[in-house]
Amino acid sequence: MTLDQFKYVYFLGIGGIGMSALARWFRVNGYEVAGYDKTPTALTSALQAEGMAIHFVEDVEQIPTAFRENRDKTLVIYTPAVPRTHQEYIYLTENGFVLQKRSQVLGLLAGQMKTVGVAGTHGKTTTSSMVAHILRHSGVNCAAFLGGITNNYGTNFLLNEPADELRSVVCVVEADEFDRSFLTLFPNLAIVTSTDADHLDIYGAHEAVLESFARFVSQIEPEGTLFMKQGLLLADKTKAQVQEYSLQEGDYHGQNIRVENAVFKFDLVYPGGIINDIELIVPGFHNVENAIAAGAVALKLGVGAEAIRAALNSYTGVRRRFEYVLKTDDAILIDDYAHHPAEVKAFLTSVKALYPDREVTAIFQPHLFSRTRDFAEGFAESLSIADNVILLDIYPARELPIEGVSSELIFRDIRSKKKQQSTKAELLDVVRETKPSLLVTIGAGDIDQLLPALKSVLKDQ
């Protein structure tokens, strides 16, 4: 299959962060694009403003007529989150349309360019966006398909400049392990940030997660390079060159890491040199480590040390990744997408390092019943870093409730000085009573929809 044979592209689940990036690529490149999603969001509104026809009710008749009447020229891209009982999915399947998962199409696109695949159970969105920003800032012709909206560019998709030879273009791809999607990629360069247990509703056991990552790195081109977080057991799973990185050790590492005026500063040590005095606008020890990995890839691609420093110093992050919503002398509100115990721990540890004299109040919304069940103890331990924890109900996302699984599984083991459970409806009143000077919101659900109201509460107090 080649993409040249299609004129129309229809998305089932167009509002997802990865799906919307693909939709934008097809739209920019002259295809007619339309799609369905379950609920309208700011992202779907942006896509509609860009000329894409989107509807929010399962209804075959709302698929544009030209798409339905030209099935041989229509490519359907779907997300695994769409149930097989979906009316439109059934219609498209039974009527001979070409259906492809997002990951399959992304693999087709990326395979035409020099690909950098950034994988890991956490850290991949920030790291991939850092790589893309360094390249774009340094004048390297690149495309990027990212898992979050970058603050520097206001999008999750960067379009490359026209090129006579596509292999001269660098394509940065966030390589997602969910549903083993990243196994459609055969990158030239790859970063693996972590291989912790996650998505056990898909994988069943941590061993299966590790097997999937082993397959991913085995697909790196033999003349390519794997930049691996030190300590991961993947070096013997690939024919590519392996270079390790970490916060303080490895072929690429940091030194002189310090916090000055709530800003993380460090030197990046690499084989043959040091990039001194990098300042990260986006704070966190984990982001220092992500920047080390991104810098390693940029060096491999021929970007100079001075250009890397300038790019990292101007990197402003990804929405919902250590994002300041409010920052005044009296009140601070930070939002983060963390939804795995290791991510929560990294985030709260960094907040504590930045503001050692402030009491941290953390609002956490668990994501998925299965993830809560599998990692309740780990979430409780990580959340206990905060001084005060406000725990919300589980955000179900794609799942139905599981008997006996609720936020209580986490709550009972939290050891913070203060803790309480709350519904979203009660949350604003709880925060008014708490009067926090440093409030953080954590979770991958819809907690971000409460940020404007929480910001108002903090400003009013």
Protein backbone atom coordinates (compact mmCIF):
# COMPACT_ATOMS: atom_id res chain seq x y z
CA MET A 1 0.00 0.00 0.00
CA THR A 2 1.14 3.53 -0.81
CA LEU A 3 -0.41 6.77 0.34
CA ASP A 4 -0.46 8.10 -3.22
CA GLN A 5 -3.50 5.97 -4.05
CA PHE A 6 -5.75 7.90 -1.65
CA LYS A 7 -7.49 11.26 -1.92
CA TYR A 8 -9.68 11.13 1.21
CA VAL A 9 -8.62 10.26 4.78
CA TYR A 10 -11.21 9.49 7.46
CA PHE A 11 -10.27 9.28 11.15
CA LEU A 12 -12.14 7.26 13.78
CA GLY A 13 -10.97 9.02 16.94
CA ILE A 14 -9.61 12.17 15.30
CA GLY A 15 -9.39 14.12 18.57
CA GLY A 16 -6.61 12.03 20.10
CA ILE A 17 -3.29 13.80 20.41
CA GLY A 18 -1.50 11.41 18.06
CA MET A 19 -4.39 11.06 15.63
CA SER A 20 -4.77 14.83 15.31
CA ALA A 21 -1.10 15.17 14.35
CA LEU A 22 -1.59 12.69 11.51
CA ALA A 23 -4.78 14.47 10.45
CA ARG A 24 -2.86 17.73 10.20
CA TRP A 25 -0.12 16.09 8.12
CA PHE A 26 -2.65 14.79 5.59
CA ARG A 27 -4.53 18.11 5.50
CA VAL A 28 -1.32 20.10 4.91
CA ASN A 29 -0.31 17.68 2.17
CA GLY A 30 -3.48 18.15 0.15
CA TYR A 31 -5.78 15.33 1.28
CA GLU A 32 -9.44 15.79 2.18
CA VAL A 33 -9.72 15.01 5.89
CA ALA A 34 -12.76 14.26 8.05
CA GLY A 35 -13.39 12.33 11.23
CA TYR A 36 -15.40 11.24 14.23
CA ASP A 37 -14.69 11.60 17.92
CA LYS A 38 -16.69 10.90 21.04
CA THR A 39 -16.62 14.41 22.50
CA PRO A 40 -15.72 17.91 21.27
CA THR A 41 -12.56 19.46 22.72
CA ALA A 42 -10.33 22.46 22.12
CA LEU A 43 -8.26 20.22 19.86
CA THR A 44 -11.21 19.13 17.70
CA SER A 45 -12.30 22.77 17.47
CA ALA A 46 -8.84 23.66 16.18
CA LEU A 47 -9.03 20.89 13.58
CA GLN A 48 -12.45 22.11 12.45
CA ALA A 49 -11.07 25.63 12.12
CA GLU A 50 -8.36 24.19 9.87
CA GLY A 51 -11.03 22.85 7.49
CA MET A 52 -11.72 19.31 8.72
CA ALA A 53 -15.30 18.04 8.97
CA ILE A 54 -15.76 16.42 12.39
CA HIS A 55 -18.87 14.99 14.07
CA PHE A 56 -19.47 13.55 17.54
CA VAL A 57 -22.33 11.05 17.14
CA GLU A 58 -22.00 7.52 15.77
CA ASP A 59 -23.73 8.02 12.46
CA VAL A 60 -22.67 6.58 9.10
CA GLU A 61 -24.64 9.30 7.30
CA GLN A 62 -22.35 11.94 8.76
CA ILE A 63 -19.32 10.46 7.03
CA PRO A 64 -18.96 12.87 4.06
CA THR A 65 -20.62 11.58 0.90
CA ALA A 66 -17.45 11.86 -1.20
CA PHE A 67 -15.67 9.57 1.26
CA ARG A 68 -18.44 6.94 1.20
CA GLU A 69 -18.78 7.00 -2.58
CA ASN A 70 -15.05 6.67 -3.26
CA ARG A 71 -14.02 3.79 -1.04
CA ASP A 72 -11.03 2.89 -3.22
CA LYS A 73 -9.67 6.43 -2.72
CA THR A 74 -10.49 6.64 0.99
CA LEU A 75 -8.09 5.61 3.73
CA VAL A 76 -9.61 5.03 7.18
CA ILE A 77 -7.32 5.49 10.17
CA TYR A 78 -8.58 4.32 13.53
CA THR A 79 -7.41 4.26 17.11
CA PRO A 80 -7.49 1.00 19.13
CA ALA A 81 -9.65 2.86 21.66
CA VAL A 82 -12.59 2.73 19.22
CA PRO A 83 -14.71 -0.34 20.12
CA ARG A 84 -15.36 -2.94 17.44
CA THR A 85 -19.08 -2.46 18.07
CA HIS A 86 -18.86 1.15 16.84
CA GLN A 87 -21.47 1.65 14.08
CA GLU A 88 -19.09 3.46 11.76
CA TYR A 89 -16.31 0.94 12.30
CA ILE A 90 -18.69 -1.88 11.38
CA TYR A 91 -19.89 -0.05 8.27
CA LEU A 92 -16.38 0.78 7.05
CA THR A 93 -15.16 -2.75 7.69
CA GLU A 94 -18.08 -4.47 6.00
CA ASN A 95 -18.00 -2.21 2.94
CA GLY A 96 -14.44 -2.85 1.87
CA PHE A 97 -12.68 0.32 2.98
CA VAL A 98 -8.95 0.19 3.71
CA LEU A 99 -8.57 0.46 7.50
CA GLN A 100 -5.22 1.08 9.17
CA LYS A 101 -4.21 1.78 12.75
CA ARG A 102 -2.58 5.14 13.38
CA SER A 103 0.68 3.36 14.17
CA GLN A 104 0.69 1.58 10.80
CA VAL A 105 0.25 4.82 8.87
CA LEU A 106 2.82 6.60 11.01
CA GLY A 107 5.25 3.81 10.22
CA LEU A 108 4.63 4.35 6.49
CA LEU A 109 5.26 8.08 6.78
CA ALA A 110 8.32 7.84 9.00
CA GLY A 111 9.86 5.15 6.83
CA GLN A 112 10.27 7.67 4.02
CA MET A 113 12.51 9.88 6.19
CA LYS A 114 15.47 9.54 8.57
CA THR A 115 13.64 8.55 11.73
CA VAL A 116 14.32 9.29 15.39
CA GLY A 117 12.04 7.12 17.55
CA VAL A 118 11.63 8.16 21.19
CA ALA A 119 10.18 5.39 23.36
CA GLY A 120 9.65 4.79 27.05
CA THR A 121 6.87 4.21 29.55
CA HIS A 122 7.40 7.79 30.68
CA GLY A 123 9.41 10.77 29.47
CA LYS A 124 8.89 10.20 25.76
CA THR A 125 6.65 13.21 25.06
CA THR A 126 9.00 15.73 26.64
CA THR A 127 12.12 14.07 25.23
CA SER A 128 10.76 13.83 21.67
CA SER A 129 9.58 17.44 21.77
CA MET A 130 13.03 18.49 23.01
CA VAL A 131 14.68 16.67 20.10
CA ALA A 132 12.29 18.30 17.64
CA HIS A 133 12.85 21.76 19.13
CA ILE A 134 16.63 21.45 19.05
CA LEU A 135 16.52 20.42 15.39
CA ARG A 136 14.01 23.09 14.36
CA HIS A 137 15.80 25.80 16.37
CA SER A 138 19.13 24.76 14.83
CA GLY A 139 17.87 24.87 11.23
CA VAL A 140 17.68 21.12 10.61
CA ASN A 141 14.88 20.18 8.20
CA CYS A 142 12.61 18.00 10.31
CA ALA A 143 9.09 16.76 10.81
CA ALA A 144 7.71 15.71 14.18
CA PHE A 145 4.74 13.66 15.40
CA LEU A 146 4.45 14.26 19.13
CA GLY A 147 2.22 13.12 21.97
CA GLY A 148 1.61 16.57 23.42
CA ILE A 149 1.08 20.20 22.44
CA THR A 150 4.44 21.97 22.49
CA ASN A 151 4.46 25.42 24.06
CA ASN A 152 7.11 26.62 21.61
CA TYR A 153 4.97 25.86 18.55
CA GLY A 154 1.42 25.47 19.86
CA THR A 155 1.02 22.12 18.12
CA ASN A 156 1.82 18.42 18.35
CA PHE A 157 2.94 18.32 14.72
CA LEU A 158 5.85 19.98 12.93
CA LEU A 159 5.86 19.95 9.13
CA ASN A 160 9.18 19.68 7.32
CA GLU A 161 10.28 21.97 4.52
CA PRO A 162 9.98 20.55 0.98
CA ALA A 163 12.97 18.39 0.08
CA ASP A 164 14.14 16.76 -3.15
CA GLU A 165 15.12 13.69 -1.17
CA LEU A 166 12.89 12.75 1.77
CA ARG A 167 15.70 10.73 3.35
CA SER A 168 17.43 14.04 4.02
CA VAL A 169 14.55 15.02 6.31
CA VAL A 170 14.68 13.99 9.98
CA CYS A 171 11.35 12.68 11.32
CA VAL A 172 11.00 12.73 15.11
CA VAL A 173 8.35 10.26 16.29
CA GLU A 174 7.04 9.64 19.76
CA ALA A 175 7.14 5.84 19.73
CA ASP A 176 4.17 4.68 21.81
CA GLU A 177 4.28 1.27 23.48
CA PHE A 178 0.51 1.26 24.06
CA ASP A 179 -1.03 -1.53 21.98
CA ARG A 180 2.55 -2.22 20.76
CA SER A 181 2.14 0.64 18.28
CA PHE A 182 5.86 1.41 18.14
CA LEU A 183 6.57 -1.92 16.45
CA THR A 184 5.59 -0.35 13.12
CA LEU A 185 8.74 1.84 13.33
CA PHE A 186 12.21 1.00 12.05
CA PRO A 187 14.21 4.02 13.25
CA ASN A 188 17.72 5.14 12.40
CA LEU A 189 18.19 6.53 15.90
CA ALA A 190 16.20 5.68 19.00
CA ILE A 191 15.93 6.78 22.61
CA VAL A 192 14.48 4.52 25.30
CA THR A 193 13.83 6.43 28.52
CA SER A 194 12.24 3.70 30.64
CA THR A 195 10.70 0.24 30.50
CA ASP A 196 8.66 0.19 33.70
CA ALA A 197 5.51 -1.89 34.02
CA ASP A 198 2.57 -0.03 32.50
CA HIS A 199 -0.46 -0.66 30.29
CA LEU A 200 -0.90 -4.01 32.00
CA ASP A 201 -4.48 -4.01 30.75
CA ILE A 202 -2.88 -4.56 27.33
CA TYR A 203 0.28 -6.49 28.20
CA GLY A 204 -0.82 -8.56 31.18
CA ALA A 205 2.62 -8.66 32.83
CA HIS A 206 5.82 -6.62 33.01
CA GLU A 207 7.69 -9.36 31.16
CA ALA A 208 5.53 -8.75 28.09
CA VAL A 209 6.31 -5.03 28.27
CA LEU A 210 10.04 -5.82 28.31
CA GLU A 211 9.65 -8.21 25.37
CA SER A 212 7.93 -5.47 23.38
CA PHE A 213 10.73 -2.99 24.04
CA ALA A 214 13.27 -5.66 23.08
CA ARG A 215 11.48 -6.05 19.73
CA PHE A 216 11.43 -2.29 19.24
CA VAL A 217 15.18 -1.86 19.70
CA SER A 218 15.82 -4.91 17.48
CA GLN A 219 14.20 -2.90 14.66
CA ILE A 220 16.71 -0.04 14.84
CA GLU A 221 18.75 -0.03 11.65
CA PRO A 222 22.05 -1.88 12.23
CA GLU A 223 24.10 1.19 11.34
CA GLY A 224 22.00 3.31 13.69
CA THR A 225 22.29 4.10 17.40
CA LEU A 226 20.27 3.31 20.51
CA PHE A 227 20.52 5.95 23.25
CA MET A 228 19.46 3.96 26.30
CA LYS A 229 18.81 5.11 29.84
CA GLN A 230 21.58 3.55 31.91
CA GLY A 231 20.51 0.34 33.61
CA LEU A 232 17.93 -0.81 31.06
CA LEU A 233 18.48 -4.37 29.87
CA LEU A 234 18.29 -3.77 26.13
CA ALA A 235 21.90 -3.57 24.94
CA ASP A 236 21.99 -7.18 23.75
CA LYS A 237 18.63 -6.87 21.95
CA THR A 238 19.84 -4.67 19.10
CA LYS A 239 22.45 -4.74 16.34
CA ALA A 240 22.76 -0.94 16.50
CA GLN A 241 25.45 0.91 18.42
CA VAL A 242 24.41 1.42 22.06
CA GLN A 243 25.21 4.53 24.08
CA GLU A 244 23.97 5.06 27.61
CA TYR A 245 22.82 8.22 29.36
CA SER A 246 21.53 9.15 32.78
CA LEU A 247 21.40 12.04 35.20
CA GLN A 248 24.92 11.52 36.54
CA GLU A 249 26.56 8.57 34.72
CA GLY A 250 26.99 7.08 31.26
CA ASP A 251 28.35 8.14 27.89
CA TYR A 252 26.14 11.22 28.18
CA HIS A 253 25.38 12.62 31.63
CA GLY A 254 24.94 15.76 33.66
CA GLN A 255 27.29 17.42 36.09
CA ASN A 256 27.13 20.50 38.29
CA ILE A 257 23.33 20.10 38.50
CA ARG A 258 21.88 22.84 40.68
CA VAL A 259 18.75 24.88 41.30
CA GLU A 260 19.15 28.66 41.17
CA ASN A 261 16.14 30.94 41.58
CA ALA A 262 13.75 28.05 40.84
CA VAL A 263 15.63 27.20 37.61
CA PHE A 264 17.50 23.94 36.97
CA LYS A 265 21.02 24.45 35.57
CA PHE A 266 23.53 21.81 34.52
CA ASP A 267 26.43 20.88 32.25
CA LEU A 268 25.97 18.14 29.63
CA VAL A 269 28.99 15.83 29.45
CA TYR A 270 29.37 13.89 26.19
CA PRO A 271 32.17 11.87 24.57
CA GLY A 272 34.65 14.53 23.56
CA GLY A 273 33.30 17.55 25.34
CA ILE A 274 30.98 19.43 27.72
CA ILE A 275 28.11 21.80 27.04
CA ASN A 276 28.27 24.17 30.00
CA ASP A 277 25.53 26.07 31.80
CA ILE A 278 22.33 24.82 30.20
CA GLU A 279 19.32 26.47 31.84
CA LEU A 280 15.96 24.71 31.66
CA ILE A 281 12.85 26.86 31.70
CA VAL A 282 10.98 23.60 32.30
CA PRO A 283 12.19 22.40 35.71
CA GLY A 284 12.73 18.95 37.17
CA PHE A 285 15.51 16.41 37.62
CA HIS A 286 13.67 14.17 35.15
CA ASN A 287 13.66 16.97 32.58
CA VAL A 288 17.42 17.42 33.00
CA GLU A 289 17.76 13.73 32.15
CA ASN A 290 15.39 14.09 29.20
CA ALA A 291 17.45 17.02 27.94
CA ILE A 292 20.62 14.92 28.16
CA ALA A 293 19.05 12.27 25.91
CA ALA A 294 17.77 14.88 23.45
CA GLY A 295 21.17 16.55 23.35
CA ALA A 296 22.83 13.20 22.65
CA VAL A 297 20.65 12.63 19.56
CA ALA A 298 21.23 16.18 18.33
CA LEU A 299 25.00 15.75 18.66
CA LYS A 300 24.75 12.49 16.68
CA LEU A 301 22.89 14.36 13.94
CA GLY A 302 25.66 16.93 13.72
CA VAL A 303 24.15 19.81 15.68
CA GLY A 304 26.84 21.89 17.41
CA ALA A 305 27.21 22.29 21.16
CA GLU A 306 26.42 26.01 21.15
CA ALA A 307 23.27 25.45 19.10
CA ILE A 308 22.12 22.73 21.49
CA ARG A 309 22.61 25.01 24.51
CA ALA A 310 20.70 27.84 22.86
CA ALA A 311 17.85 25.52 21.87
CA LEU A 312 17.50 23.90 25.30
CA ASN A 313 17.64 27.32 26.98
CA SER A 314 14.66 28.38 24.84
CA TYR A 315 12.62 25.18 25.21
CA THR A 316 9.36 26.01 26.97
CA GLY A 317 7.93 22.54 27.40
CA VAL A 318 4.76 20.63 26.61
CA ARG A 319 1.30 21.41 27.86
CA ARG A 320 0.42 19.48 30.99
CA ARG A 321 4.08 18.55 31.63
CA PHE A 322 5.27 20.55 34.66
CA GLU A 323 3.20 23.46 33.33
CA TYR A 324 2.90 26.61 35.43
CA VAL A 325 -0.73 27.73 35.40
CA LEU A 326 -0.18 30.45 38.01
CA LYS A 327 3.07 31.78 39.44
CA THR A 328 3.01 34.74 41.83
CA ASP A 329 4.69 35.53 45.13
CA ASP A 330 1.56 34.41 46.97
CA ALA A 331 0.35 31.41 45.01
CA ILE A 332 1.70 28.81 42.59
CA LEU A 333 -0.33 26.31 40.54
CA ILE A 334 1.49 23.64 38.51
CA ASP A 335 -0.19 21.00 36.34
CA ASP A 336 1.34 17.68 35.28
CA TYR A 337 0.13 14.73 33.21
CA ALA A 338 1.86 12.13 35.44
CA HIS A 339 -0.20 8.93 35.64
CA HIS A 340 2.38 6.31 36.68
CA PRO A 341 3.96 6.08 40.16
CA ALA A 342 7.45 6.76 38.78
CA GLU A 343 6.21 9.90 37.01
CA VAL A 344 4.40 11.13 40.13
CA LYS A 345 7.55 10.56 42.20
CA ALA A 346 9.76 12.42 39.71
CA PHE A 347 7.35 15.33 39.52
CA LEU A 348 6.81 15.79 43.27
CA THR A 349 10.52 15.32 44.05
CA SER A 350 11.34 18.13 41.64
CA VAL A 351 8.62 20.40 43.06
CA LYS A 352 10.06 19.87 46.52
CA ALA A 353 13.58 20.69 45.27
CA LEU A 354 12.33 23.90 43.65
CA TYR A 355 10.28 25.08 46.63
CA PRO A 356 11.79 23.52 49.77
CA ASP A 357 10.15 26.09 52.06
CA ARG A 358 6.60 25.69 50.82
CA GLU A 359 3.98 23.12 51.76
CA VAL A 360 2.96 21.12 48.69
CA THR A 361 -0.74 20.34 48.23
CA ALA A 362 -1.27 17.73 45.51
CA ILE A 363 -4.57 16.94 43.79
CA PHE A 364 -4.36 13.53 42.10
CA GLN A 365 -6.88 12.01 39.70
CA PRO A 366 -6.13 8.29 39.14
CA HIS A 367 -6.33 7.21 35.48
CA LEU A 368 -7.94 3.84 34.64
CA PHE A 369 -9.34 1.24 37.02
CA SER A 370 -6.76 -1.33 35.92
CA ARG A 371 -3.82 1.03 36.48
CA THR A 372 -5.15 1.93 39.93
CA ARG A 373 -5.49 -1.76 40.80
CA ASP A 374 -2.02 -2.64 39.50
CA PHE A 375 -0.11 0.29 41.04
CA ALA A 376 -2.12 1.40 44.09
CA GLU A 377 0.79 0.85 46.49
CA GLY A 378 3.22 2.70 44.22
CA PHE A 379 0.86 5.65 43.82
CA ALA A 380 0.40 5.90 47.58
CA GLU A 381 4.15 5.89 48.15
CA SER A 382 4.80 8.55 45.50
CA LEU A 383 1.95 10.80 46.60
CA SER A 384 3.23 10.66 50.17
CA ILE A 385 6.03 13.02 49.08
CA ALA A 386 3.41 15.80 49.15
CA ASP A 387 2.49 17.44 52.45
CA ASN A 388 -1.22 17.39 51.70
CA VAL A 389 -2.99 15.06 49.24
CA ILE A 390 -6.48 15.56 47.82
CA LEU A 391 -7.49 12.37 46.03
CA LEU A 392 -10.21 12.37 43.36
CA ASP A 393 -12.26 9.52 41.95
CA ILE A 394 -10.80 7.35 39.17
CA TYR A 395 -11.05 8.69 35.62
CA PRO A 396 -12.25 5.61 33.67
CA ALA A 397 -11.13 6.62 30.15
CA ARG A 398 -11.67 3.55 27.96
CA GLU A 399 -12.57 1.16 30.82
CA LEU A 400 -15.67 -0.02 32.61
CA PRO A 401 -15.56 -0.14 36.43
CA ILE A 402 -13.79 -3.09 38.08
CA GLU A 403 -15.45 -4.47 41.19
CA GLY A 404 -13.61 -3.51 44.35
CA VAL A 405 -11.36 -0.95 42.62
CA SER A 406 -11.65 2.68 43.71
CA SER A 407 -9.43 5.55 44.85
CA GLU A 408 -9.65 4.07 48.35
CA LEU A 409 -7.00 1.49 47.33
CA ILE A 410 -4.52 4.36 47.05
CA PHE A 411 -5.88 6.57 49.81
CA ARG A 412 -5.51 4.10 52.67
CA ASP A 413 -1.72 3.86 52.25
CA ILE A 414 -0.88 7.55 51.75
CA ARG A 415 1.36 8.72 54.60
CA SER A 416 1.26 12.50 54.05
CA LYS A 417 0.66 14.80 57.01
CA LYS A 418 -2.79 15.60 55.62
CA LYS A 419 -4.98 13.74 53.17
CA GLN A 420 -8.61 13.67 52.08
CA GLN A 421 -10.81 12.32 49.31
CA SER A 422 -12.96 14.54 47.16
CA THR A 423 -15.22 14.50 44.14
CA LYS A 424 -14.64 16.95 41.28
CA ALA A 425 -17.85 18.74 42.28
CA GLU A 426 -16.53 19.29 45.83
CA LEU A 427 -12.96 20.12 44.85
CA LEU A 428 -13.15 23.92 44.59
CA ASP A 429 -14.67 24.18 48.07
CA VAL A 430 -11.99 21.84 49.44
CA VAL A 431 -9.25 24.02 47.95
CA ARG A 432 -10.87 27.18 49.34
CA GLU A 433 -10.80 25.63 52.80
CA THR A 434 -7.21 24.39 52.39
CA LYS A 435 -5.83 27.76 51.17
CA PRO A 436 -2.66 26.29 49.59
CA SER A 437 0.22 28.55 48.53
CA LEU A 438 1.63 25.78 46.30
CA LEU A 439 -0.95 23.60 44.57
CA VAL A 440 -0.21 20.91 41.99
CA THR A 441 -2.68 18.94 39.88
CA ILE A 442 -1.63 15.49 38.68
CA GLY A 443 -3.25 12.99 36.30
CA ALA A 444 -3.99 12.04 32.69
CA GLY A 445 -7.78 12.33 32.89
CA ASP A 446 -9.88 15.49 32.68
CA ILE A 447 -8.49 17.23 35.76
CA ASP A 448 -7.05 19.93 33.49
CA GLN A 449 -10.59 21.15 32.80
CA LEU A 450 -10.69 22.44 36.39
CA LEU A 451 -7.50 24.51 36.05
CA PRO A 452 -9.17 27.86 35.18
CA ALA A 453 -11.45 27.57 38.22
CA LEU A 454 -8.59 26.47 40.50
CA LYS A 455 -6.51 29.39 39.27
CA SER A 456 -9.35 31.78 40.15
CA VAL A 457 -9.67 30.30 43.64
CA LEU A 458 -5.95 30.75 44.31
CA LYS A 459 -5.97 34.33 43.00
CA ASP A 460 -9.02 35.20 45.10
CA GLN A 461 -7.50 33.90 48.32
